[in-house]
Protein backbone atom coordinates (compact mmCIF):
# COMPACT_ATOMS: atom_id res chain seq x y z
CA MET A 1 -20.23 -4.99 -9.02
CA ILE A 2 -21.34 -1.34 -8.33
CA ILE A 3 -24.87 -0.56 -7.88
CA ALA A 4 -25.49 3.08 -7.05
CA ARG A 5 -28.30 5.82 -6.96
CA PHE A 6 -27.58 9.43 -7.01
CA ASP A 7 -30.46 11.76 -6.07
CA ILE A 8 -29.28 14.50 -8.28
CA ASP A 9 -31.14 15.95 -11.46
CA PRO A 10 -29.20 14.79 -14.57
CA VAL A 11 -27.49 17.59 -16.59
CA ALA A 12 -26.39 16.94 -20.35
CA LYS A 13 -22.87 17.73 -21.24
CA GLY A 14 -22.90 21.12 -22.65
CA ARG A 15 -21.18 22.03 -26.02
CA PRO A 16 -17.74 23.58 -25.63
CA ARG A 17 -17.61 27.21 -25.43
CA PHE A 18 -14.80 29.61 -27.07
CA GLY A 19 -13.63 32.73 -25.74
CA ASN A 20 -10.38 34.82 -25.23
CA GLY A 21 -8.40 32.37 -27.22
CA ARG A 22 -9.51 29.29 -25.35
CA THR A 23 -12.06 26.46 -24.98
CA TYR A 24 -13.99 25.87 -21.83
CA THR A 25 -17.01 23.61 -20.59
CA PRO A 26 -20.03 25.46 -19.63
CA ALA A 27 -20.35 26.24 -15.84
CA LYS A 28 -23.67 24.11 -15.56
CA THR A 29 -21.91 21.15 -16.97
CA THR A 30 -18.81 21.81 -14.84
CA ARG A 31 -20.84 22.10 -11.51
CA PHE A 32 -22.92 18.92 -12.30
CA GLU A 33 -19.88 16.80 -13.05
CA ASN A 34 -18.09 18.09 -9.87
CA ALA A 35 -21.22 17.23 -7.70
CA LEU A 36 -21.67 13.67 -9.30
CA LYS A 37 -17.85 13.10 -8.79
CA VAL A 38 -18.29 13.90 -5.01
CA LEU A 39 -21.47 11.54 -4.74
CA ALA A 40 -19.50 8.84 -6.69
CA ARG A 41 -16.36 8.80 -4.43
CA LYS A 42 -18.68 8.63 -1.43
CA GLU A 43 -20.20 5.46 -2.96
CA MET A 44 -16.70 3.81 -3.65
CA LYS A 45 -15.63 4.54 -0.03
CA GLY A 46 -11.95 4.51 -1.11
CA ASP A 47 -12.03 1.52 -3.33
CA ALA A 48 -10.08 1.41 -6.36
CA PRO A 49 -11.59 1.90 -9.82
CA LEU A 50 -12.78 -1.34 -11.54
CA ASP A 51 -10.27 -2.71 -14.20
CA GLY A 52 -10.78 -4.36 -17.56
CA ALA A 53 -13.86 -4.46 -19.77
CA LEU A 54 -16.98 -3.19 -18.08
CA THR A 55 -20.59 -3.65 -18.80
CA VAL A 56 -22.91 -0.48 -17.62
CA ARG A 57 -26.53 -0.16 -17.20
CA ILE A 58 -27.55 3.42 -16.31
CA SER A 59 -30.87 5.25 -16.17
CA PHE A 60 -31.32 9.15 -16.23
CA VAL A 61 -34.60 9.82 -14.50
CA ILE A 62 -35.57 13.42 -15.46
CA LYS A 63 -38.53 15.39 -14.32
CA LYS A 64 -41.42 15.68 -16.77
CA PRO A 65 -41.84 19.01 -18.54
CA LYS A 66 -45.26 20.70 -17.37
CA THR A 67 -46.13 21.17 -20.98
CA SER A 68 -45.20 17.65 -22.25
CA LYS A 69 -48.04 15.34 -23.09
CA ASN A 70 -45.88 12.48 -24.08
CA ASN A 71 -44.95 9.89 -21.40
CA ALA A 72 -41.72 9.01 -23.17
CA PRO A 73 -38.97 11.62 -22.95
CA SER A 74 -38.27 11.60 -26.69
CA VAL A 75 -37.20 15.41 -26.14
CA LYS A 76 -33.80 17.27 -25.81
CA PRO A 77 -31.37 16.92 -24.16
CA ASP A 78 -30.21 13.96 -25.98
CA LEU A 79 -29.50 10.55 -23.97
CA ASP A 80 -25.87 10.68 -25.35
CA ASN A 81 -25.07 14.04 -23.85
CA PHE A 82 -26.31 12.97 -20.25
CA LEU A 83 -23.84 9.73 -20.87
CA LYS A 84 -21.08 12.34 -21.66
CA ALA A 85 -21.40 14.27 -18.51
CA ALA A 86 -21.96 11.23 -16.16
CA PHE A 87 -19.07 9.13 -17.84
CA ASP A 88 -16.70 12.06 -17.59
CA ALA A 89 -17.54 12.46 -13.81
CA PHE A 90 -17.00 8.77 -13.35
CA ASN A 91 -13.49 8.67 -14.78
CA GLY A 92 -11.08 7.67 -12.08
CA ILE A 93 -13.61 6.71 -9.71
CA PHE A 94 -15.90 3.88 -10.94
CA TRP A 95 -13.31 3.03 -13.66
CA ASN A 96 -9.85 4.39 -14.80
CA ASP A 97 -11.17 5.55 -18.15
CA ASP A 98 -14.72 5.44 -20.00
CA ALA A 99 -13.04 3.58 -22.72
CA GLN A 100 -13.29 0.47 -20.65
CA VAL A 101 -17.03 0.34 -21.16
CA CYS A 102 -17.91 -2.30 -23.74
CA VAL A 103 -21.55 -3.07 -23.21
CA LEU A 104 -23.89 -0.13 -22.26
CA ARG A 105 -27.55 -0.15 -21.80
CA ALA A 106 -28.93 3.41 -21.12
CA GLU A 107 -32.39 5.02 -20.83
CA LYS A 108 -33.82 8.26 -20.28
CA VAL A 109 -37.18 8.07 -18.40
CA TYR A 110 -39.66 10.61 -16.69
CA SER A 111 -40.53 10.81 -12.95
CA ASP A 112 -41.33 13.44 -10.33
CA ARG A 113 -37.88 13.61 -8.93
CA GLY A 114 -34.56 13.43 -11.13
CA ARG A 115 -31.87 11.05 -10.39
CA ILE A 116 -29.32 8.61 -11.83
CA GLU A 117 -29.25 5.01 -11.24
CA VAL A 118 -26.07 3.06 -12.24
CA MET A 119 -25.06 -0.68 -12.17
CA ILE A 120 -21.49 -1.38 -13.21
CA ASP A 121 -19.73 -4.88 -13.55
CA GLN A 122 -16.88 -6.36 -15.20
CA LEU A 123 -17.46 -8.17 -18.29
CA PHE A 124 -14.76 -10.83 -17.63
CA LYS A 125 -13.96 -11.92 -14.26
């Protein structure tokens, strides 16, 4: 089982951009994914990625906007875009490929400090 907390502001996966005849990921997304990869590698301490079917519980804790009167973050960015960025960063570190994730519980919540909390376990041991 892997339990980790990353003190980093979550960033949603940006839409692909097109230019000069090629497709590229926005710089903000790339910087976030690279920073999260570094933190995930530190957490794994050289251990191999988990094999087989996995269950993942992940929380994206985001800073509450000053203008929001709502206590639930039912605003953009979408939860699935946070997942895409984090799962891409975790590929080859926590698991070999995010296709291994068979059970998922994800949430985005407000707090005064951004972070990502994740718990990963093998579905069948």
